[in-house]
Amino acid sequence: MTTQTSEATPGSGAGGDRSKRVEMPKPPAPIVPDLTSAELRALAEQHSLRPMGVRPPLLEYVKDVLSRWAFIRVLGTSAAYAKNQNNYLGQLWAILNPVLNATVYVLVFGVLLNASRGVDNSIAFIVIGVFLFRFIDQSVHGGAQSIAKKTSLIRSMHFPRAVLPISQVVSLLTTLVPTLVVMCAIVLLSGFVGSNEPIPITWEWLLLPAIVALMWLFNTGLAFVMARIVAITPDLDNIINFVMRFAMYGSGVIFPVTKYAESLPDTAQAIVTPILEYQPIGVFLYVARSILMQEEAFPPSGEMWLWAAGWAVVTLVVGFIVFWRGEERYGRD
């Protein structure tokens, strides 16, 4: 009896399909561009396209920023409104904060320490200094945080980054306007306190918006510089409080520092006094006090107006250029 063995062929039976090899498709050939880089650049310029993440020319950058003014205004006013939205008193805190600060400094330096050397109306002197210096102080802090706290917005939208520090100062200017009314009211009422003489309202009060506008330009320039510095070196944000505190005590915000410089030796006084008198914060405060106080210690001075305009324009231009030079780095570092 003979037995026949059937030889299984590959692929037969139930498991035959598993033994088949699946041939993978071959990858497509690499795409080689038909145009050179110069031709691609010319094609992009023909259709008004520009590369992303590259710093544009300065003049083109200025035009781009100015064309976004509606966006700046909305961003600034919305930030000003949202700042105190969750508080019970809401936007009233925009007025209460500088009033409370001024009250503390008036009580400590004007009443307890009697530090208002050479100034008749110490209340008006301190109130003007505190209200306006707060505008500068907040602009420095706002500019420093304008890039660091908007990283998600920077990475999700394409716009000139200078919009952010500008909108921060616009937001502060929005909240400053009502506080200026309160400041002027306190200055008027201070003329009826103690031995202070009444302060008249003259046509020079109409110049207050002009000095505030110059301060706005100056603060915008400061915001540009601080935004660039903190974006590159975030640790410097921790030092700003100490620098601004020194600036407050050294700029005649709550007491006239130029009077204290008179106690220095003649050689040191010849150097220190002009620095304290013509440094930007001191210049802006001098002009504001000469407008509102009508006091002999602050006579109207065209020279100080020129210094104020010079500080505003120079700081704005230099700050804008400094910020523009780091345009391509914001949101990437």
Protein backbone atom coordinates (compact mmCIF):
# COMPACT_ATOMS: atom_id res chain seq x y z
CA MET A 1 0.00 0.00 0.00
CA THR A 2 1.50 3.25 -1.01
CA THR A 3 0.85 6.67 0.56
CA GLN A 4 0.97 9.89 -1.40
CA THR A 5 2.12 13.08 0.31
CA SER A 6 0.81 16.31 -1.01
CA GLU A 7 3.33 19.08 -0.92
CA ALA A 8 1.90 22.34 0.38
CA THR A 9 2.58 25.22 -1.81
CA PRO A 10 3.22 28.65 -0.35
CA GLY A 11 0.09 30.67 -0.06
CA SER A 12 -2.24 27.64 0.06
CA GLY A 13 -4.50 26.95 2.98
CA ALA A 14 -6.01 29.19 5.60
CA GLY A 15 -2.77 30.76 6.60
CA GLY A 16 -1.50 31.30 3.16
CA ASP A 17 -2.45 34.96 2.97
CA ARG A 18 -0.30 35.74 5.97
CA SER A 19 2.82 34.56 4.24
CA LYS A 20 2.44 36.97 1.38
CA ARG A 21 4.68 40.01 1.51
CA VAL A 22 3.01 43.41 1.19
CA GLU A 23 4.98 45.58 -1.08
CA MET A 24 5.31 49.15 0.26
CA PRO A 25 4.81 51.96 -2.25
CA LYS A 26 7.92 53.77 -3.24
CA PRO A 27 8.29 57.35 -1.92
CA PRO A 28 7.71 60.05 -4.51
CA ALA A 29 10.64 61.80 -6.00
CA PRO A 30 11.70 65.00 -4.20
CA ILE A 31 10.15 68.16 -5.49
CA VAL A 32 12.76 70.40 -6.99
CA PRO A 33 11.67 74.03 -7.33
CA ASP A 34 11.70 75.32 -10.84
CA LEU A 35 12.41 78.90 -9.72
CA THR A 36 15.55 80.27 -8.16
CA SER A 37 15.53 82.21 -4.89
CA ALA A 38 15.88 85.49 -6.78
CA GLU A 39 12.89 84.61 -8.97
CA LEU A 40 10.85 83.64 -5.91
CA ARG A 41 11.72 86.94 -4.25
CA ALA A 42 10.68 88.85 -7.36
CA LEU A 43 7.43 86.89 -7.53
CA ALA A 44 6.67 87.73 -3.87
CA GLU A 45 7.33 91.42 -4.47
CA GLN A 46 5.09 91.33 -7.52
CA HIS A 47 2.18 90.15 -5.37
CA SER A 48 3.02 92.49 -2.42
CA LEU A 49 4.16 89.61 -0.21
CA ARG A 50 6.90 89.94 2.38
CA PRO A 51 8.80 87.41 4.49
CA MET A 52 7.50 86.65 7.99
CA GLY A 53 9.60 87.15 11.11
CA VAL A 54 11.95 89.66 9.45
CA ARG A 55 12.40 93.23 10.64
CA PRO A 56 10.89 95.58 8.03
CA PRO A 57 12.55 98.87 7.03
CA LEU A 58 12.07 101.68 9.55
CA LEU A 59 9.86 103.91 7.40
CA GLU A 60 7.67 100.99 6.37
CA TYR A 61 7.43 99.96 10.03
CA VAL A 62 6.29 103.45 11.05
CA LYS A 63 3.56 103.43 8.39
CA ASP A 64 2.41 99.99 9.50
CA VAL A 65 2.15 101.10 13.13
CA LEU A 66 0.20 104.26 12.23
CA SER A 67 -2.21 102.23 10.12
CA ARG A 68 -3.07 100.16 13.21
CA TRP A 69 -4.23 103.13 15.29
CA ALA A 70 -7.81 101.82 15.53
CA PHE A 71 -6.48 98.53 16.88
CA ILE A 72 -4.25 100.41 19.34
CA ARG A 73 -7.15 102.51 20.60
CA VAL A 74 -9.46 99.53 21.09
CA LEU A 75 -6.73 97.47 22.77
CA GLY A 76 -5.81 100.33 25.10
CA THR A 77 -9.33 101.34 26.13
CA SER A 78 -10.44 97.74 26.65
CA ALA A 79 -7.43 97.10 28.88
CA ALA A 80 -8.24 100.23 30.90
CA TYR A 81 -11.83 99.09 31.36
CA ALA A 82 -10.94 95.50 32.26
CA LYS A 83 -8.35 96.50 34.87
CA ASN A 84 -10.85 97.21 37.67
CA GLN A 85 -13.84 95.35 36.24
CA ASN A 86 -13.87 92.66 38.95
CA ASN A 87 -13.74 95.11 41.88
CA TYR A 88 -16.88 96.25 43.68
CA LEU A 89 -16.10 99.92 43.07
CA GLY A 90 -15.07 99.22 39.48
CA GLN A 91 -13.55 102.13 37.58
CA LEU A 92 -13.73 104.34 40.66
CA TRP A 93 -10.45 102.77 41.79
CA ALA A 94 -8.70 104.54 38.93
CA ILE A 95 -9.39 107.76 40.87
CA LEU A 96 -9.18 106.41 44.41
CA ASN A 97 -5.68 104.94 44.03
CA PRO A 98 -3.87 108.22 43.24
CA VAL A 99 -6.01 110.08 45.80
CA LEU A 100 -5.07 107.64 48.55
CA ASN A 101 -1.39 107.72 47.54
CA ALA A 102 -1.36 111.49 47.57
CA THR A 103 -3.10 111.55 50.96
CA VAL A 104 -0.45 109.30 52.49
CA TYR A 105 2.43 111.38 51.14
CA VAL A 106 0.78 114.65 52.20
CA LEU A 107 0.34 113.37 55.76
CA VAL A 108 3.83 111.89 56.04
CA PHE A 109 5.99 114.43 54.20
CA GLY A 110 3.82 117.52 54.27
CA VAL A 111 2.48 117.33 57.84
CA LEU A 112 4.64 115.01 59.94
CA LEU A 113 8.09 115.63 58.40
CA ASN A 114 7.37 119.12 57.00
CA ALA A 115 9.65 118.31 54.07
CA SER A 116 8.20 120.92 51.70
CA ARG A 117 11.14 123.28 52.04
CA GLY A 118 10.66 126.55 50.14
CA VAL A 119 7.10 125.70 49.02
CA ASP A 120 4.10 127.56 50.43
CA ASN A 121 1.35 125.14 49.40
CA SER A 122 2.78 121.70 50.15
CA ILE A 123 -0.56 119.95 49.50
CA ALA A 124 -0.76 121.15 45.89
CA PHE A 125 2.95 120.45 45.42
CA ILE A 126 2.70 116.82 46.55
CA VAL A 127 -0.65 116.10 44.86
CA ILE A 128 0.59 117.27 41.44
CA GLY A 129 3.81 115.32 41.85
CA VAL A 130 2.13 112.07 42.94
CA PHE A 131 -0.62 112.13 40.29
CA LEU A 132 1.70 112.83 37.36
CA PHE A 133 4.57 110.64 38.52
CA ARG A 134 2.14 107.74 38.79
CA PHE A 135 1.49 108.13 35.06
CA ILE A 136 5.23 107.78 34.38
CA ASP A 137 5.70 104.92 36.83
CA GLN A 138 2.83 102.87 35.42
CA SER A 139 4.01 103.49 31.85
CA VAL A 140 7.43 102.05 32.71
CA HIS A 141 5.89 98.97 34.32
CA GLY A 142 3.31 98.57 31.56
CA GLY A 143 5.94 98.84 28.85
CA ALA A 144 8.12 96.27 30.58
CA GLN A 145 5.24 93.76 30.64
CA SER A 146 3.78 94.60 27.22
CA ILE A 147 5.76 91.90 25.40
CA ALA A 148 6.23 89.37 28.21
CA LYS A 149 2.50 89.07 28.95
CA LYS A 150 1.34 89.07 25.33
CA THR A 151 3.39 86.16 24.01
CA SER A 152 0.34 84.16 22.92
CA LEU A 153 -1.07 87.15 21.03
CA ILE A 154 2.30 87.78 19.35
CA ARG A 155 2.58 84.18 18.17
CA SER A 156 -0.99 83.96 16.90
CA MET A 157 -1.30 87.22 14.97
CA HIS A 158 0.86 89.20 12.60
CA PHE A 159 1.13 92.88 13.50
CA PRO A 160 3.90 95.34 14.38
CA ARG A 161 4.93 94.63 17.96
CA ALA A 162 5.18 98.35 18.72
CA VAL A 163 1.39 98.29 18.96
CA LEU A 164 1.65 96.62 22.39
CA PRO A 165 3.69 99.21 24.35
CA ILE A 166 1.77 102.03 22.65
CA SER A 167 -1.55 100.51 23.69
CA GLN A 168 -0.31 100.18 27.27
CA VAL A 169 0.40 103.91 27.51
CA VAL A 170 -2.89 104.73 25.75
CA SER A 171 -4.67 102.65 28.38
CA LEU A 172 -2.97 104.61 31.17
CA LEU A 173 -3.75 107.91 29.45
CA THR A 174 -7.41 106.88 29.33
CA THR A 175 -7.51 106.39 33.09
CA LEU A 176 -5.43 109.54 33.70
CA VAL A 177 -7.96 111.94 32.17
CA PRO A 178 -10.58 111.68 34.96
CA THR A 179 -7.89 111.74 37.65
CA LEU A 180 -6.62 115.07 36.29
CA VAL A 181 -10.01 116.59 37.08
CA VAL A 182 -9.73 115.33 40.66
CA MET A 183 -6.14 116.59 40.86
CA CYS A 184 -7.16 120.10 39.79
CA ALA A 185 -10.05 120.07 42.29
CA ILE A 186 -7.69 119.13 45.14
CA VAL A 187 -5.25 121.84 44.09
CA LEU A 188 -8.04 124.43 44.23
CA LEU A 189 -9.29 123.23 47.61
CA SER A 190 -5.76 123.24 49.04
CA GLY A 191 -5.81 127.03 48.80
CA PHE A 192 -8.38 127.10 51.61
CA VAL A 193 -6.45 124.83 53.98
CA GLY A 194 -4.43 126.40 56.78
CA SER A 195 -2.44 129.45 55.80
CA ASN A 196 -2.40 128.65 52.09
CA GLU A 197 -3.50 131.40 49.77
CA PRO A 198 -6.37 130.71 47.35
CA ILE A 199 -5.22 129.50 43.95
CA PRO A 200 -6.85 131.36 41.06
CA ILE A 201 -7.94 129.67 37.85
CA THR A 202 -6.14 131.42 35.00
CA TRP A 203 -5.84 130.90 31.26
CA GLU A 204 -2.59 129.03 31.91
CA TRP A 205 -4.63 126.09 33.18
CA LEU A 206 -5.53 125.48 29.53
CA LEU A 207 -1.88 124.46 29.01
CA LEU A 208 -2.25 121.40 31.23
CA PRO A 209 -3.36 119.12 28.34
CA ALA A 210 -0.25 120.23 26.41
CA ILE A 211 2.18 119.12 29.12
CA VAL A 212 0.22 115.88 29.58
CA ALA A 213 0.52 115.24 25.84
CA LEU A 214 4.29 115.73 26.04
CA MET A 215 4.39 113.34 28.98
CA TRP A 216 2.43 110.83 26.91
CA LEU A 217 5.07 110.96 24.17
CA PHE A 218 7.84 110.69 26.74
CA ASN A 219 6.17 107.74 28.48
CA THR A 220 5.66 105.96 25.17
CA GLY A 221 9.37 106.23 24.48
CA LEU A 222 10.13 104.84 27.95
CA ALA A 223 7.68 101.99 27.33
CA PHE A 224 9.49 101.11 24.08
CA VAL A 225 12.85 100.95 25.83
CA MET A 226 11.57 98.92 28.77
CA ALA A 227 9.72 96.49 26.48
CA ARG A 228 12.93 95.78 24.55
CA ILE A 229 15.09 95.44 27.67
CA VAL A 230 12.76 93.13 29.59
CA ALA A 231 12.00 91.04 26.50
CA ILE A 232 15.72 90.33 26.17
CA THR A 233 16.55 90.07 29.90
CA PRO A 234 13.41 89.23 31.93
CA ASP A 235 15.30 89.39 35.24
CA LEU A 236 15.56 93.16 34.92
CA ASP A 237 11.82 93.40 35.54
CA ASN A 238 12.55 92.74 39.22
CA ILE A 239 14.74 95.84 39.47
CA ILE A 240 12.26 98.33 38.02
CA ASN A 241 10.51 98.94 41.37
CA PHE A 242 13.76 100.00 43.01
CA VAL A 243 14.77 102.23 40.11
CA MET A 244 11.40 103.98 40.05
CA ARG A 245 11.45 104.45 43.81
CA PHE A 246 14.82 106.16 43.49
CA ALA A 247 13.44 108.27 40.64
CA MET A 248 10.49 109.36 42.80
CA TYR A 249 12.64 110.56 45.69
CA GLY A 250 15.26 112.08 43.41
CA SER A 251 12.92 113.95 41.07
CA GLY A 252 11.09 116.30 43.40
CA VAL A 253 7.84 114.37 43.46
CA ILE A 254 7.11 114.87 47.16
CA PHE A 255 9.71 117.44 48.18
CA PRO A 256 11.89 119.95 46.27
CA VAL A 257 15.23 118.19 45.88
CA THR A 258 16.90 121.25 44.37
CA LYS A 259 16.50 123.01 47.73
CA TYR A 260 18.24 120.17 49.50
CA ALA A 261 21.09 120.34 46.99
CA GLU A 262 21.89 123.84 48.27
CA SER A 263 23.44 122.27 51.37
CA LEU A 264 26.13 120.58 49.26
CA PRO A 265 29.58 122.09 48.70
CA ASP A 266 29.80 124.62 45.87
CA THR A 267 31.63 122.25 43.54
CA ALA A 268 29.13 119.43 44.03
CA GLN A 269 26.21 121.84 43.96
CA ALA A 270 27.26 123.18 40.54
CA ILE A 271 27.06 119.64 39.15
CA VAL A 272 24.11 118.17 41.05
CA THR A 273 21.67 121.09 40.83
CA PRO A 274 21.45 121.28 36.99
CA ILE A 275 21.06 117.49 36.81
CA LEU A 276 18.16 117.52 39.27
CA GLU A 277 16.57 120.57 37.66
CA TYR A 278 16.71 119.50 34.02
CA GLN A 279 16.19 115.75 34.28
CA PRO A 280 12.95 114.80 32.48
CA ILE A 281 10.67 114.01 35.43
CA GLY A 282 11.70 117.18 37.21
CA VAL A 283 11.07 119.23 34.06
CA PHE A 284 7.55 117.87 33.52
CA LEU A 285 6.61 118.38 37.17
CA TYR A 286 8.01 121.92 37.17
CA VAL A 287 5.92 122.90 34.14
CA ALA A 288 2.75 121.33 35.59
CA ARG A 289 3.26 123.09 38.92
CA SER A 290 3.94 126.42 37.23
CA ILE A 291 0.62 126.04 35.38
CA LEU A 292 -1.56 125.11 38.34
CA MET A 293 0.03 126.51 41.50
CA GLN A 294 0.78 130.11 40.43
CA GLU A 295 3.57 130.23 43.01
CA GLU A 296 6.80 132.20 43.03
CA ALA A 297 8.82 129.02 43.46
CA PHE A 298 7.61 127.88 40.00
CA PRO A 299 7.45 130.89 37.69
CA PRO A 300 6.40 130.27 34.06
CA SER A 301 9.46 129.38 32.02
CA GLY A 302 9.69 129.01 28.24
CA GLU A 303 13.04 127.30 28.72
CA MET A 304 11.44 124.51 30.75
CA TRP A 305 8.79 124.06 28.05
CA LEU A 306 11.56 123.61 25.49
CA TRP A 307 13.26 121.07 27.74
CA ALA A 308 9.97 119.20 28.15
CA ALA A 309 9.38 119.11 24.38
CA GLY A 310 12.96 118.03 23.78
CA TRP A 311 12.80 115.19 26.31
CA ALA A 312 9.48 114.01 24.84
CA VAL A 313 10.59 113.96 21.20
CA VAL A 314 14.07 112.54 21.79
CA THR A 315 12.84 109.79 24.12
CA LEU A 316 10.06 108.80 21.73
CA VAL A 317 12.33 108.62 18.67
CA VAL A 318 15.18 106.83 20.43
CA GLY A 319 12.81 104.43 22.19
CA PHE A 320 11.00 103.60 18.94
CA ILE A 321 14.26 102.85 17.11
CA VAL A 322 15.54 100.72 19.99
CA PHE A 323 12.31 98.73 19.98
CA TRP A 324 12.23 98.40 16.19
CA ARG A 325 15.72 96.90 16.11
CA GLY A 326 14.49 93.91 18.11
CA GLU A 327 11.23 93.42 16.19
CA GLU A 328 12.06 89.97 14.83
CA ARG A 329 13.00 88.61 18.28
CA TYR A 330 9.80 89.35 20.18
CA GLY A 331 7.85 86.19 20.95
CA ARG A 332 10.76 83.94 19.95
CA ASP A 333 13.31 84.38 22.73
